[in-house]
Amino acid sequence: MTDNILLEIKHLSKKYDEAHPLRDVNCTVSKGEVISIIGPSGTGKSTLLRCINRLETPTCGEIYIMGEKITDDPKEIRKMRREVGMVFQSFNLFSNMNVLENIITGPVMLRGTSKEEAVKRGMELLQMVGLSGKEHHFPDELSGGQKQRVAIARALAMEPKILLFDEPTSALDPKMVNEVLYVIRGLAAKDYTMLIVTHEMRFAEYVSSRVFYMDEGVIFEDGTPDQIFHHPNEMKTRAFVNHYHTYETTFNDNKFDLAGVTAELAEFVKKQYMNQKQQTALEHIFEECVVVELLSSEKNVYPVHFCAMCGENGEDCSVELTYCGVPFNPFDREESLSIKIVKPFLDEVNYSCNNGENKLLMQVKRL
């Protein structure tokens, strides 16, 4: 591990009795990186942060902080938490302590900092987060945004190598969100290393050096803000960041209900206010590319996943097909009647094959 890598996660998994929020998470985080973690609810984003800070014990996998493997030894966990600060969505301030006491308790008790030095640093941090003059107030005298800024100052007081933010604005009134995001943007400008679980997409795009899109318990796509928000490689990422609507179905063999799938597709078209030409396009793509070229062939292509996607009122319609087996792009067979039927409905076709998975992304013309 290089000196520049502060965090490394290998095959991290977390399973409860009936839930499996993390399935196989792998990543590295380098010094100075600001990584926003986005994705649908229930996909393990907060669980990932809690496992890093050992508030949750992983089912399996390994976590390294500055090259040191994190174990279940309480002494090792306490040592790690001196280097990894965490800011919660619910603030978690001590209600019986004033603002300054909340900030200086950790450095004094856990790092052995003198009270005089801790107070000096605490006052500097309060000025940094815009709360000078609030040091003697108690948490119940503060607004939600002020409480969260105190929580950020408290985390910074420990001089951590990594900061973890778990939905830092989700519990706030909309009017208070910007004051907290402003503080986090300031930290990014000071080269703090941060992992931020957030639903604020514009903020994530602006503040991040990298973005993780999480889905199905894994980091589904990892890229720059420009890639994730404007040129995502994965259909699920694209659907999430653009608030797209999707219709998805998977075929595990060639025994399927053609009429049933066609009816479901027609219902999707209706709900999204798509026009008759768009419905015809999707039906042809499904019948010719999926049924004829894949499901009716003798190739070992299963499972086959079909996903139709569109924006509001049927805008920006596309279809993604993923299927297994040897590299096979139906659009290479220009003489195929099926391809001749489908092509007039498409603006663009992109094909790729990686590790035995074929992927076709077809952009439907504005009809």
Protein backbone atom coordinates (compact mmCIF):
# COMPACT_ATOMS: atom_id res chain seq x y z
CA MET A 1 0.00 0.00 0.00
CA THR A 2 1.38 3.40 -0.94
CA ASP A 3 1.74 6.20 1.58
CA ASN A 4 -0.87 8.21 -0.32
CA ILE A 5 -3.66 5.67 0.29
CA LEU A 6 -5.45 6.32 3.58
CA LEU A 7 -8.27 3.78 3.28
CA GLU A 8 -8.51 0.43 1.55
CA ILE A 9 -11.56 -1.85 1.59
CA LYS A 10 -11.48 -5.43 0.34
CA HIS A 11 -14.55 -7.61 -0.24
CA LEU A 12 -16.56 -5.95 2.53
CA SER A 13 -19.90 -7.56 3.31
CA LYS A 14 -22.57 -6.96 5.93
CA LYS A 15 -25.54 -9.26 6.40
CA TYR A 16 -28.40 -9.14 8.88
CA ASP A 17 -31.05 -11.83 9.36
CA GLU A 18 -33.19 -10.72 6.41
CA ALA A 19 -31.10 -8.00 4.80
CA HIS A 20 -27.78 -7.90 2.98
CA PRO A 21 -26.93 -4.19 2.57
CA LEU A 22 -23.28 -4.76 1.63
CA ARG A 23 -22.33 -7.66 -0.65
CA ASP A 24 -18.82 -7.09 -1.98
CA VAL A 25 -17.44 -3.58 -1.59
CA ASN A 26 -13.92 -2.85 -2.82
CA CYS A 27 -12.23 0.54 -3.04
CA THR A 28 -9.24 2.67 -2.09
CA VAL A 29 -9.29 6.28 -0.92
CA SER A 30 -6.23 8.49 -1.30
CA LYS A 31 -5.17 11.49 0.73
CA GLY A 32 -7.09 14.64 -0.21
CA GLU A 33 -9.87 12.88 -2.10
CA VAL A 34 -13.47 14.00 -1.59
CA ILE A 35 -15.77 11.10 -2.44
CA SER A 36 -19.53 11.47 -2.53
CA ILE A 37 -21.51 8.26 -2.17
CA ILE A 38 -24.88 8.34 -3.89
CA GLY A 39 -27.56 5.78 -4.71
CA PRO A 40 -31.09 4.63 -3.87
CA SER A 41 -32.20 4.13 -0.27
CA GLY A 42 -31.32 0.76 1.22
CA THR A 43 -28.24 0.14 -0.91
CA GLY A 44 -25.72 0.15 1.93
CA LYS A 45 -24.33 3.69 1.79
CA SER A 46 -24.66 4.48 5.51
CA THR A 47 -23.81 0.89 6.44
CA LEU A 48 -20.52 1.28 4.58
CA LEU A 49 -19.53 4.31 6.66
CA ARG A 50 -20.61 2.61 9.89
CA CYS A 51 -18.49 -0.43 9.03
CA ILE A 52 -15.46 1.75 8.31
CA ASN A 53 -15.81 3.38 11.73
CA ARG A 54 -16.68 0.00 13.32
CA LEU A 55 -20.06 1.17 14.54
CA GLU A 56 -21.18 -1.93 12.63
CA THR A 57 -19.13 -5.12 12.56
CA PRO A 58 -18.70 -6.39 8.99
CA THR A 59 -19.80 -9.94 8.27
CA CYS A 60 -16.64 -10.44 6.24
CA GLY A 61 -14.00 -8.47 4.40
CA GLU A 62 -11.06 -6.28 5.36
CA ILE A 63 -10.62 -2.57 6.09
CA TYR A 64 -7.20 -0.89 6.26
CA ILE A 65 -6.66 2.61 7.66
CA MET A 66 -3.23 3.99 6.71
CA GLY A 67 -2.08 0.44 6.02
CA GLU A 68 -3.25 -0.96 9.37
CA LYS A 69 -5.91 -3.65 9.29
CA ILE A 70 -8.89 -2.86 11.52
CA THR A 71 -9.72 -5.73 13.84
CA ASP A 72 -12.40 -6.29 16.48
CA ASP A 73 -9.93 -5.49 19.26
CA PRO A 74 -11.50 -2.61 21.28
CA LYS A 75 -8.09 -0.97 21.73
CA GLU A 76 -7.47 -1.02 17.99
CA ILE A 77 -10.92 0.39 17.32
CA ARG A 78 -10.37 3.28 19.76
CA LYS A 79 -7.02 4.00 18.10
CA MET A 80 -8.64 3.98 14.66
CA ARG A 81 -11.41 6.36 15.72
CA ARG A 82 -8.82 8.97 16.61
CA GLU A 83 -7.96 9.09 12.91
CA VAL A 84 -11.47 8.70 11.45
CA GLY A 85 -14.00 11.40 12.33
CA MET A 86 -17.70 10.86 11.75
CA VAL A 87 -20.55 13.36 11.38
CA PHE A 88 -24.01 11.85 11.78
CA GLN A 89 -27.31 12.94 10.29
CA SER A 90 -28.80 13.26 13.79
CA PHE A 91 -25.91 15.40 15.20
CA ASN A 92 -25.32 13.19 18.31
CA LEU A 93 -24.22 16.12 20.47
CA PHE A 94 -24.08 15.78 24.25
CA SER A 95 -27.14 17.69 25.45
CA ASN A 96 -25.71 18.22 28.97
CA MET A 97 -22.59 19.97 27.60
CA ASN A 98 -22.31 23.38 26.00
CA VAL A 99 -20.93 23.82 22.50
CA LEU A 100 -17.32 24.28 23.52
CA GLU A 101 -17.43 21.32 25.92
CA ASN A 102 -18.81 19.14 23.13
CA ILE A 103 -15.82 20.08 20.99
CA ILE A 104 -12.97 19.79 23.50
CA THR A 105 -14.01 16.59 25.32
CA GLY A 106 -12.65 14.23 22.66
CA PRO A 107 -9.19 15.78 22.27
CA VAL A 108 -8.73 16.08 26.04
CA MET A 109 -9.91 12.55 26.91
CA LEU A 110 -8.73 10.57 23.88
CA ARG A 111 -5.68 12.45 22.58
CA GLY A 112 -4.38 13.80 25.88
CA THR A 113 -4.54 17.40 24.65
CA SER A 114 -4.30 20.02 27.41
CA LYS A 115 -7.56 21.81 28.15
CA GLU A 116 -6.00 25.17 27.34
CA GLU A 117 -4.83 23.96 23.93
CA ALA A 118 -8.16 22.23 23.25
CA VAL A 119 -10.12 25.40 24.09
CA LYS A 120 -7.91 27.48 21.80
CA ARG A 121 -8.39 25.03 18.95
CA GLY A 122 -12.10 24.75 19.71
CA MET A 123 -12.58 28.51 19.39
CA GLU A 124 -10.69 28.47 16.06
CA LEU A 125 -12.95 25.71 14.77
CA LEU A 126 -16.10 27.56 15.85
CA GLN A 127 -14.90 30.54 13.86
CA MET A 128 -14.22 28.24 10.87
CA VAL A 129 -17.78 26.89 10.91
CA GLY A 130 -19.32 30.32 11.47
CA LEU A 131 -20.36 29.90 15.11
CA SER A 132 -18.18 32.36 16.98
CA GLY A 133 -20.04 33.53 20.08
CA LYS A 134 -22.00 30.28 20.46
CA GLU A 135 -19.42 28.47 22.62
CA HIS A 136 -21.47 28.71 25.84
CA HIS A 137 -24.82 27.78 24.25
CA PHE A 138 -26.30 24.33 24.77
CA PRO A 139 -27.47 22.16 21.86
CA ASP A 140 -31.16 22.74 22.53
CA GLU A 141 -30.57 26.48 22.05
CA LEU A 142 -29.29 25.96 18.49
CA SER A 143 -30.96 25.43 15.14
CA GLY A 144 -30.48 22.18 13.26
CA GLY A 145 -27.93 23.73 10.94
CA GLN A 146 -25.98 25.14 13.87
CA LYS A 147 -25.99 21.76 15.64
CA GLN A 148 -24.60 20.09 12.55
CA ARG A 149 -21.85 22.68 12.26
CA VAL A 150 -20.93 22.04 15.91
CA ALA A 151 -20.81 18.32 15.09
CA ILE A 152 -18.42 19.06 12.22
CA ALA A 153 -16.23 21.18 14.49
CA ARG A 154 -16.23 18.37 17.08
CA ALA A 155 -15.05 15.87 14.47
CA LEU A 156 -12.33 18.26 13.26
CA ALA A 157 -11.08 18.82 16.81
CA MET A 158 -9.71 15.27 16.81
CA GLU A 159 -7.56 16.17 13.77
CA PRO A 160 -8.69 13.08 11.87
CA LYS A 161 -7.02 11.79 8.71
CA ILE A 162 -10.44 10.92 7.21
CA LEU A 163 -13.87 12.48 7.71
CA LEU A 164 -17.06 10.47 7.21
CA PHE A 165 -20.35 12.33 6.65
CA ASP A 166 -23.56 10.29 6.86
CA GLU A 167 -26.31 12.31 5.14
CA PRO A 168 -25.23 15.49 6.98
CA THR A 169 -28.20 17.55 5.71
CA SER A 170 -31.03 14.99 5.73
CA ALA A 171 -32.39 16.04 9.14
CA LEU A 172 -32.30 19.75 8.36
CA ASP A 173 -34.92 22.24 7.30
CA PRO A 174 -34.27 23.11 3.62
CA LYS A 175 -33.35 26.67 4.63
CA MET A 176 -30.48 25.34 6.77
CA VAL A 177 -29.00 22.91 4.24
CA ASN A 178 -26.81 25.45 2.45
CA GLU A 179 -25.05 26.63 5.61
CA VAL A 180 -23.83 23.09 6.31
CA LEU A 181 -22.90 22.41 2.68
CA TYR A 182 -20.93 25.67 2.66
CA VAL A 183 -18.81 24.44 5.57
CA ILE A 184 -18.16 21.08 3.87
CA ARG A 185 -17.16 22.85 0.64
CA GLY A 186 -14.67 24.84 2.71
CA LEU A 187 -13.18 21.65 4.10
CA ALA A 188 -12.81 20.25 0.58
CA ALA A 189 -10.89 23.38 -0.38
CA LYS A 190 -8.53 22.70 2.54
CA ASP A 191 -7.73 19.20 1.17
CA TYR A 192 -9.47 17.21 3.89
CA THR A 193 -10.05 13.58 2.91
CA MET A 194 -13.79 12.95 3.06
CA LEU A 195 -16.41 10.32 2.28
CA ILE A 196 -19.85 11.90 2.08
CA VAL A 197 -23.12 9.99 1.84
CA THR A 198 -25.52 12.51 0.35
CA HIS A 199 -28.71 12.94 -1.63
CA GLU A 200 -27.70 16.47 -2.69
CA MET A 201 -26.73 15.73 -6.29
CA ARG A 202 -25.62 19.23 -7.31
CA PHE A 203 -23.49 19.50 -4.20
CA ALA A 204 -21.94 16.08 -4.87
CA GLU A 205 -21.08 17.08 -8.42
CA TYR A 206 -19.54 20.36 -7.32
CA VAL A 207 -17.54 19.26 -4.27
CA SER A 208 -16.30 15.78 -5.20
CA SER A 209 -13.12 14.54 -6.81
CA ARG A 210 -14.77 11.10 -7.17
CA VAL A 211 -18.30 9.75 -6.90
CA PHE A 212 -19.40 6.25 -5.90
CA TYR A 213 -22.80 5.15 -7.17
CA MET A 214 -23.94 2.33 -4.88
CA ASP A 215 -26.60 -0.21 -5.78
CA GLU A 216 -27.28 -3.84 -4.91
CA GLY A 217 -24.79 -3.70 -2.03
CA VAL A 218 -21.76 -2.83 -4.17
CA ILE A 219 -20.04 0.21 -5.63
CA PHE A 220 -21.84 -0.12 -8.94
CA GLU A 221 -19.90 2.67 -10.63
CA ASP A 222 -16.89 4.72 -9.54
CA GLY A 223 -15.85 7.76 -11.54
CA THR A 224 -15.31 11.48 -11.75
CA PRO A 225 -18.30 13.77 -11.17
CA ASP A 226 -18.41 14.48 -14.91
CA GLN A 227 -18.55 10.77 -15.73
CA ILE A 228 -21.13 9.83 -13.12
CA PHE A 229 -23.48 12.77 -13.65
CA HIS A 230 -23.08 13.33 -17.39
CA HIS A 231 -21.55 10.23 -19.02
CA PRO A 232 -22.31 7.21 -16.80
CA ASN A 233 -21.28 3.80 -18.07
CA GLU A 234 -24.07 1.94 -16.29
CA MET A 235 -27.80 2.16 -17.01
CA LYS A 236 -28.68 2.10 -13.31
CA THR A 237 -26.39 5.07 -12.66
CA ARG A 238 -27.90 6.99 -15.55
CA ALA A 239 -31.42 6.25 -14.38
CA PHE A 240 -30.66 7.39 -10.84
CA VAL A 241 -28.83 10.65 -11.58
CA ASN A 242 -31.36 11.71 -14.21
CA HIS A 243 -34.42 10.59 -12.24
CA TYR A 244 -35.37 8.30 -15.07
CA HIS A 245 -38.22 5.81 -15.02
CA THR A 246 -37.43 2.22 -15.92
CA TYR A 247 -39.09 -1.03 -16.88
CA GLU A 248 -36.90 -4.07 -16.24
CA THR A 249 -37.28 -7.80 -16.68
CA THR A 250 -34.89 -10.76 -16.69
CA PHE A 251 -35.11 -14.01 -18.65
CA ASN A 252 -33.36 -17.07 -17.26
CA ASP A 253 -34.45 -19.42 -20.07
CA ASN A 254 -36.50 -19.41 -23.28
CA LYS A 255 -39.77 -20.17 -21.49
CA PHE A 256 -41.46 -16.81 -20.99
CA ASP A 257 -44.81 -15.10 -21.35
CA LEU A 258 -44.43 -12.98 -24.51
CA ALA A 259 -47.93 -11.52 -24.23
CA GLY A 260 -47.43 -10.74 -20.55
CA VAL A 261 -44.14 -8.90 -21.08
CA THR A 262 -45.59 -6.98 -24.04
CA ALA A 263 -48.55 -5.91 -21.88
CA GLU A 264 -46.23 -4.75 -19.08
CA LEU A 265 -44.16 -2.78 -21.56
CA ALA A 266 -47.32 -1.15 -22.95
CA GLU A 267 -48.38 -0.20 -19.41
CA PHE A 268 -44.96 1.37 -18.78
CA VAL A 269 -45.31 3.40 -21.99
CA LYS A 270 -48.76 4.59 -20.90
CA LYS A 271 -47.63 5.63 -17.43
CA GLN A 272 -44.73 7.64 -18.84
CA TYR A 273 -46.95 9.46 -21.36
CA MET A 274 -44.95 8.11 -24.29
CA ASN A 275 -46.49 8.29 -27.76
CA GLN A 276 -47.56 5.49 -30.05
CA LYS A 277 -44.38 5.67 -32.13
CA GLN A 278 -42.25 5.26 -29.00
CA GLN A 279 -44.34 2.28 -27.95
CA THR A 280 -43.84 0.73 -31.40
CA ALA A 281 -40.09 1.33 -31.14
CA LEU A 282 -39.82 -0.37 -27.74
CA GLU A 283 -42.00 -3.29 -28.86
CA HIS A 284 -39.85 -3.83 -31.96
CA ILE A 285 -36.63 -3.67 -29.95
CA PHE A 286 -37.99 -6.20 -27.49
CA GLU A 287 -39.46 -8.57 -30.08
CA GLU A 288 -36.59 -8.42 -32.58
CA CYS A 289 -33.46 -7.92 -30.46
CA VAL A 290 -34.52 -9.87 -27.37
CA VAL A 291 -36.94 -12.52 -28.57
CA VAL A 292 -35.58 -13.25 -32.05
CA GLU A 293 -31.88 -12.50 -31.76
CA LEU A 294 -31.33 -13.80 -28.20
CA LEU A 295 -34.11 -15.88 -26.65
CA SER A 296 -34.91 -17.83 -29.81
CA SER A 297 -31.28 -18.45 -30.72
CA GLU A 298 -29.30 -21.51 -29.74
CA LYS A 299 -26.65 -19.41 -28.02
CA ASN A 300 -26.03 -19.73 -24.29
CA VAL A 301 -27.01 -16.16 -23.41
CA TYR A 302 -28.80 -16.49 -20.06
CA PRO A 303 -29.60 -14.59 -18.00
CA VAL A 304 -30.83 -11.88 -20.38
CA HIS A 305 -31.73 -8.54 -18.79
CA PHE A 306 -33.94 -6.02 -20.61
CA CYS A 307 -34.26 -2.45 -19.31
CA ALA A 308 -36.27 0.32 -21.00
CA MET A 309 -35.71 3.80 -19.61
CA CYS A 310 -37.02 7.31 -20.17
CA GLY A 311 -37.17 10.75 -18.62
CA GLU A 312 -40.25 12.81 -17.89
CA ASN A 313 -43.03 12.55 -20.50
CA GLY A 314 -41.13 9.94 -22.46
CA GLU A 315 -38.06 12.11 -23.11
CA ASP A 316 -34.63 10.56 -23.79
CA CYS A 317 -35.79 6.98 -24.27
CA SER A 318 -33.24 4.17 -24.40
CA VAL A 319 -32.93 0.42 -23.91
CA GLU A 320 -30.12 -1.57 -22.34
CA LEU A 321 -29.65 -5.29 -22.94
CA THR A 322 -27.19 -7.39 -20.98
CA TYR A 323 -26.61 -11.07 -21.70
CA CYS A 324 -23.97 -13.71 -21.13
CA GLY A 325 -21.84 -15.87 -23.39
CA VAL A 326 -19.25 -15.31 -26.06
CA PRO A 327 -18.97 -11.83 -27.62
CA PHE A 328 -22.04 -11.33 -29.80
CA ASN A 329 -23.34 -8.06 -31.22
CA PRO A 330 -26.56 -8.61 -33.22
CA PHE A 331 -25.97 -5.30 -35.03
CA ASP A 332 -22.91 -6.80 -36.72
CA ARG A 333 -25.36 -8.88 -38.76
CA GLU A 334 -26.63 -6.16 -41.04
CA GLU A 335 -28.34 -8.71 -43.27
CA SER A 336 -30.56 -9.82 -40.38
CA LEU A 337 -34.23 -8.92 -40.90
CA SER A 338 -34.60 -8.18 -37.20
CA ILE A 339 -31.80 -5.63 -37.28
CA LYS A 340 -33.22 -4.05 -40.43
CA ILE A 341 -36.56 -3.64 -38.64
CA VAL A 342 -35.06 -2.08 -35.51
CA LYS A 343 -32.39 0.24 -36.94
CA PRO A 344 -34.76 2.97 -38.23
CA PHE A 345 -35.97 3.52 -34.66
CA LEU A 346 -32.49 4.12 -33.21
CA ASP A 347 -30.18 7.12 -33.05
CA GLU A 348 -27.20 5.29 -31.59
CA VAL A 349 -26.09 1.78 -30.64
CA ASN A 350 -23.17 1.03 -28.31
CA TYR A 351 -21.91 -2.50 -27.72
CA SER A 352 -19.35 -3.82 -25.24
CA CYS A 353 -18.30 -7.17 -23.80
CA ASN A 354 -16.42 -7.57 -20.52
CA ASN A 355 -15.75 -10.75 -18.56
CA GLY A 356 -18.38 -12.75 -20.42
CA GLU A 357 -21.10 -10.09 -20.18
CA ASN A 358 -22.40 -8.53 -23.39
CA LYS A 359 -24.02 -5.12 -23.18
CA LEU A 360 -26.06 -3.24 -25.79
CA LEU A 361 -27.19 0.32 -25.20
CA MET A 362 -29.69 1.59 -27.79
CA GLN A 363 -30.76 5.23 -27.91
CA VAL A 364 -34.28 5.57 -29.35
CA LYS A 365 -34.90 8.40 -31.82
CA ARG A 366 -37.12 11.29 -30.85
CA LEU A 367 -40.29 10.13 -32.59
